[in-house]
């Protein structure tokens, strides 16, 4: 049985950062395991509070098993699966939190090997099923991966989260299993087949499943269709730096909550950095903190989305400020940008699974609260 439809609100907090993508020609490699579920036990639109880890990533809490075992995951729109660590091997996290199958009365070993590659290494394990709770939503017989080997992932112990829950489309799912949103939609218990992210600036954030939170939005959403429905990928009309320069197009962009910064084609990022009078210091793009600089503008679906120089700053060292811009390595088939958390802090993003589109609206913050 399922509860009456409602919003699922999941708190999220900032993390120290995510596992860098294995970005080659287009974007992130899928990471994680399988998400599915054949019976919705209780659901309503849910609001998940997101913990903010130094503006480098956002994580929240889920529970797996009966009774529920709480684990911290990164909610990642750049992948489509769920994996959590086991105690075996080198998968245990610094906080000692890992999934214990023997402690759950609803656990079932599904069998089948699981492997997913990050830029920093590979996660390995096996597929299994158990109850999954997110906020007040609960799915039984939910298929995911239990990771018993994260030893090749550099820096895993310092990441500040246990596993990853992907929110991309089915084509990215390792094993081709249903995604979390597909499992929830199958039972018709979501008010809308959408979810929305509010990422706090030096503050917690919120993931809403089944709708969006109007308290975090200024104005109306403008929509852009997703093509193709694998990553949350959209066409980019143009990219410019103030009135100084416009980059050659066309291009595409992936909106990715699992990426901290904004990444783009190497030549384009160098051109943007030059226009912003940035210099490279130990791999970072640095500008004088007090300099008056133009903004970086992405035109999406006929609407301009501007990131001021202040929006682009992610760190400060004396009078020098570090920009959250980085080049994508390798030769790409087509120009590709990754709009990560830095973009999503400025703009509330509505991920519309049902209509295969993204909605953008200005996020409401203390500094821009117009009420």
Foldseek 3Di string as FASTA:
>chain_A
DEDAAAKLLLLQQQWPAFFAAPDAFFGRAADWAAWAFDDWPYYYRRRRRRRRHLLHATWTWKFWAVVTAIFIAGEKLQHFAKEFEDPADPQQAPVRGGDDQVVHPQKFFPFDKDWTAGPQGIWIFGKIFTWMGGRNIIGHRTITGYTNDPPSRPPPNRGGGGIYQYDAAQVSHVVSHHGPLVNVVVVVRACASKKKWAPADVGMIMIMGRDDDCVFFDDWWDKFFAPPRGFLKGWWPWKDFAPPDTDDDTEMEGEIQNGSFKEWAPVVLVVNLVQQVWDADPNFTKDFQPDQGTWMWIQGPNDIDTQGPVLQFSDDDPRITTGRYYYRDYHYPHIYMYNYSSSCNQWMWMCRPPRRMIITGGTDDPVPPPD
